[in-house]
Protein backbone atom coordinates (compact mmCIF):
# COMPACT_ATOMS: atom_id res chain seq x y z
CA MET A 1 -24.64 -9.18 -53.31
CA LYS A 2 -22.25 -7.09 -51.64
CA LYS A 3 -24.87 -5.62 -49.74
CA ILE A 4 -26.36 -9.15 -48.24
CA ARG A 5 -22.76 -10.07 -47.49
CA PHE A 6 -22.20 -6.80 -45.52
CA VAL A 7 -25.38 -7.42 -43.75
CA ALA A 8 -24.46 -11.03 -42.92
CA VAL A 9 -21.24 -9.83 -41.34
CA VAL A 10 -22.84 -7.31 -39.16
CA SER A 11 -25.27 -9.62 -37.85
CA MET A 12 -22.82 -12.29 -36.97
CA LEU A 13 -20.76 -9.68 -35.23
CA ALA A 14 -23.61 -8.51 -33.49
CA ILE A 15 -24.59 -12.12 -32.15
CA ALA A 16 -21.07 -12.50 -31.35
CA THR A 17 -20.88 -9.80 -29.32
CA ALA A 18 -24.36 -10.50 -27.38
CA VAL A 19 -23.00 -14.02 -26.74
CA SER A 20 -19.46 -12.98 -25.27
CA ALA A 21 -21.47 -10.05 -23.44
CA GLN A 22 -21.81 -10.96 -19.84
CA VAL A 23 -24.88 -9.93 -17.81
CA SER A 24 -25.31 -10.09 -14.22
CA LEU A 25 -27.78 -9.24 -11.45
CA GLY A 26 -26.96 -8.38 -8.05
CA VAL A 27 -28.32 -6.89 -4.65
CA LYS A 28 -26.90 -3.65 -3.02
CA GLY A 29 -27.29 -1.56 0.15
CA GLY A 30 -25.98 0.81 2.43
CA VAL A 31 -26.06 4.61 3.73
CA ASN A 32 -26.61 7.78 2.25
CA MET A 33 -25.49 11.23 3.36
CA SER A 34 -28.17 13.60 1.59
CA ASN A 35 -28.55 17.37 1.35
CA PHE A 36 -30.17 19.95 -0.75
CA TRP A 37 -28.27 22.69 -2.86
CA GLY A 38 -29.07 25.75 -4.43
CA GLU A 39 -28.69 29.60 -4.44
CA GLU A 40 -31.68 30.01 -2.08
CA LEU A 41 -30.70 28.06 1.06
CA ASN A 42 -28.35 29.31 3.34
CA SER A 43 -28.91 27.03 6.66
CA LYS A 44 -28.65 23.33 5.53
CA ASN A 45 -26.96 20.20 7.12
CA ALA A 46 -26.72 16.74 5.84
CA LYS A 47 -29.23 14.08 6.51
CA PHE A 48 -28.23 10.29 6.96
CA GLY A 49 -30.54 7.77 5.21
CA PHE A 50 -30.13 4.64 3.23
CA ASN A 51 -30.27 2.78 -0.10
CA ILE A 52 -31.28 -0.75 -1.24
CA GLY A 53 -32.24 -2.45 -4.45
CA LEU A 54 -31.57 -4.60 -7.47
CA ALA A 55 -28.45 -3.70 -9.49
CA ALA A 56 -27.95 -5.22 -13.21
CA GLU A 57 -24.74 -5.03 -14.97
CA TYR A 58 -24.00 -5.62 -18.66
CA GLU A 59 -20.57 -6.32 -19.32
CA PHE A 60 -19.78 -5.65 -23.08
CA ALA A 61 -16.24 -5.89 -23.27
CA PRO A 62 -13.72 -7.41 -20.27
CA ALA A 63 -12.94 -3.88 -18.81
CA MET A 64 -16.28 -2.13 -19.80
CA ALA A 65 -19.92 -2.52 -18.74
CA ILE A 66 -23.04 -0.41 -18.39
CA GLN A 67 -24.47 -0.67 -14.98
CA SER A 68 -27.86 0.06 -13.98
CA GLY A 69 -30.79 -1.29 -11.54
CA LEU A 70 -33.89 -0.24 -9.40
CA PHE A 71 -33.13 1.36 -6.08
CA PHE A 72 -35.08 2.56 -3.12
CA THR A 73 -33.23 5.42 -1.69
CA THR A 74 -33.97 8.34 0.96
CA LYS A 75 -33.02 11.77 0.57
CA GLY A 76 -33.49 15.06 2.08
CA THR A 77 -32.09 17.60 4.55
CA LYS A 78 -32.06 19.14 7.78
CA ILE A 79 -32.77 22.65 7.51
CA ASP A 80 -33.53 26.06 8.99
CA TYR A 81 -35.43 27.83 6.07
CA ASP A 82 -38.69 30.04 5.75
CA PHE A 83 -40.58 28.17 2.73
CA PRO A 84 -43.25 30.07 0.89
CA ILE A 85 -45.80 27.02 1.32
CA ILE A 86 -45.42 25.97 4.74
CA GLY A 87 -43.50 28.63 6.45
CA GLU A 88 -40.63 28.40 8.82
CA VAL A 89 -39.17 25.29 9.20
CA ASP A 90 -36.67 24.11 11.79
CA GLY A 91 -36.36 20.62 11.29
CA THR A 92 -35.87 17.82 8.58
CA VAL A 93 -37.24 17.11 4.99
CA ASN A 94 -37.28 13.70 4.13
CA SER A 95 -37.86 11.94 0.70
CA LEU A 96 -38.38 8.52 -0.19
CA ASN A 97 -37.19 8.04 -3.73
CA LEU A 98 -37.25 5.17 -6.39
CA GLN A 99 -34.24 5.51 -8.41
CA ILE A 100 -32.73 4.31 -11.85
CA PRO A 101 -28.90 4.74 -12.98
CA VAL A 102 -27.37 4.40 -16.08
CA HIS A 103 -23.71 4.56 -15.74
CA TYR A 104 -20.83 3.49 -18.05
CA ALA A 105 -18.19 1.80 -15.98
CA TYR A 106 -14.38 1.15 -16.37
CA LYS A 107 -12.69 -1.68 -14.71
CA THR A 108 -9.21 -2.49 -14.01
CA ASP A 109 -7.66 -5.53 -12.51
CA ILE A 110 -5.35 -4.86 -9.25
CA THR A 111 -5.08 -8.54 -8.15
CA PRO A 112 -6.54 -11.64 -9.29
CA GLY A 113 -10.33 -11.73 -8.61
CA THR A 114 -10.08 -7.91 -7.29
CA ARG A 115 -10.85 -5.50 -9.63
CA MET A 116 -11.34 -1.24 -9.12
CA VAL A 117 -14.36 0.38 -11.14
CA PHE A 118 -14.88 3.61 -11.77
CA HIS A 119 -18.27 4.74 -13.12
CA GLY A 120 -20.67 7.47 -13.95
CA GLY A 121 -23.72 8.48 -16.01
CA PRO A 122 -27.30 10.17 -15.46
CA TYR A 123 -29.75 8.77 -13.16
CA VAL A 124 -33.68 9.45 -13.24
CA ALA A 125 -35.81 9.31 -9.81
CA TYR A 126 -39.37 9.70 -8.45
CA GLY A 127 -40.24 10.36 -5.04
CA VAL A 128 -42.81 8.10 -3.50
CA GLY A 129 -43.20 9.48 0.14
CA GLY A 130 -41.77 11.21 2.89
CA LYS A 131 -42.45 14.09 5.37
CA ILE A 132 -41.48 17.05 6.50
CA SER A 133 -41.07 16.95 10.48
CA SER A 134 -40.00 19.68 13.09
CA GLY A 135 -39.33 18.45 16.78
CA GLY A 136 -41.06 14.93 16.00
CA VAL A 137 -44.04 16.38 14.49
CA ASP A 138 -45.08 15.93 10.91
CA LEU A 139 -45.79 19.17 9.40
CA ALA A 140 -46.74 18.44 6.16
CA ASP A 141 -46.23 15.61 2.92
CA THR A 142 -42.75 16.33 1.14
CA PHE A 143 -44.34 15.53 -2.35
CA GLY A 144 -47.97 15.96 -3.53
CA ASP A 145 -50.14 19.27 -4.43
CA ASP A 146 -49.43 20.69 -1.15
CA GLY A 147 -46.02 19.06 -0.47
CA LEU A 148 -42.86 21.14 -0.69
CA LEU A 149 -41.11 19.38 -3.55
CA LYS A 150 -41.76 17.91 -6.96
CA PRO A 151 -41.66 14.04 -7.29
CA TYR A 152 -39.59 14.03 -10.40
CA ASP A 153 -35.74 14.30 -10.31
CA ALA A 154 -32.69 14.03 -12.65
CA GLY A 155 -28.97 14.35 -12.55
CA LEU A 156 -25.62 13.08 -12.82
CA GLY A 157 -23.69 10.23 -10.69
CA LEU A 158 -19.95 9.54 -10.11
CA GLY A 159 -18.52 6.76 -8.30
CA VAL A 160 -15.75 4.51 -7.49
CA GLY A 161 -15.71 0.70 -6.20
CA ALA A 162 -14.20 -2.50 -5.96
CA GLU A 163 -15.12 -6.17 -6.90
CA PHE A 164 -13.96 -9.01 -4.60
CA GLY A 165 -14.94 -11.77 -6.97
CA PRO A 166 -18.85 -11.87 -6.54
CA PHE A 167 -18.67 -9.01 -3.42
CA LEU A 168 -18.69 -5.34 -4.27
CA VAL A 169 -17.97 -2.02 -2.36
CA ASP A 170 -19.37 1.14 -3.81
CA LEU A 171 -18.56 4.93 -2.80
CA GLY A 172 -20.68 7.43 -4.94
CA TRP A 173 -22.16 10.95 -5.44
CA ASP A 174 -25.48 12.24 -7.08
CA MET A 175 -25.85 15.55 -8.06
CA GLY A 176 -29.44 16.44 -9.06
CA LEU A 177 -29.95 18.82 -11.97
CA LEU A 178 -33.55 19.83 -11.78
CA LYS A 179 -35.04 22.38 -9.57
CA ILE A 180 -37.12 20.26 -7.33
CA ALA A 181 -38.94 23.09 -5.14
CA ASN A 182 -42.89 22.93 -5.58
CA TYR A 183 -43.12 26.86 -5.74
CA SER A 184 -42.24 29.20 -8.43
CA ASN A 185 -38.65 30.21 -8.75
CA GLY A 186 -37.60 27.77 -5.92
CA ASP A 187 -33.83 26.91 -6.42
CA VAL A 188 -33.62 23.78 -4.47
CA LYS A 189 -31.79 20.46 -6.02
CA ASN A 190 -30.82 17.32 -4.57
CA GLN A 191 -27.25 16.03 -3.82
CA ASN A 192 -26.48 12.69 -2.27
CA ALA A 193 -23.07 10.75 -1.37
CA TYR A 194 -23.66 7.08 -0.57
CA LEU A 195 -21.40 4.06 0.60
CA SER A 196 -23.06 0.66 -0.63
CA VAL A 197 -21.93 -3.03 -0.45
CA GLY A 198 -23.56 -5.50 -2.62
CA TYR A 199 -23.40 -9.18 -4.27
CA LYS A 200 -23.41 -10.32 -7.66
CA PHE A 201 -25.22 -13.62 -8.36
């Protein structure tokens, strides 16, 4: 009998939590400043790109939430390097990626209707396209069997933002933890800073 009561109480608490939790969807988009990092790289410069996608948020307490979504984001770098696969490159590595972050977010009220948001957590990404170019000429595909990079990527992200009612602004940074070079012992990883604006429905 005690077990039944315990299960009933736990079930009621779970239902109450689910009902009180707020799930919201929104759209976000903005600009990226991406680069590579790793021991092998000695000449690299940031490349500008963009991000856009659908954001989802599960607010399980007044000041806490889980943030996720599906985003299309561009990464890469401007580089001068002698790669084993394609040789000397003095140009741009462009990568097009689908990315899913899963961040824990803490929110604090600043003024009525305005909250600061601090968030961080892992991400996973998959490269869906891109070219390596020099002087306006495409030299090779970024991904694929003969490409420079592996399509799979994962890492950690941190960010800080602000919510103004349904509108939001977000500044963040992602650091890749996987070696993405498509050749043996290639120490190349992604990193990306972004500024996004969005709207919560």
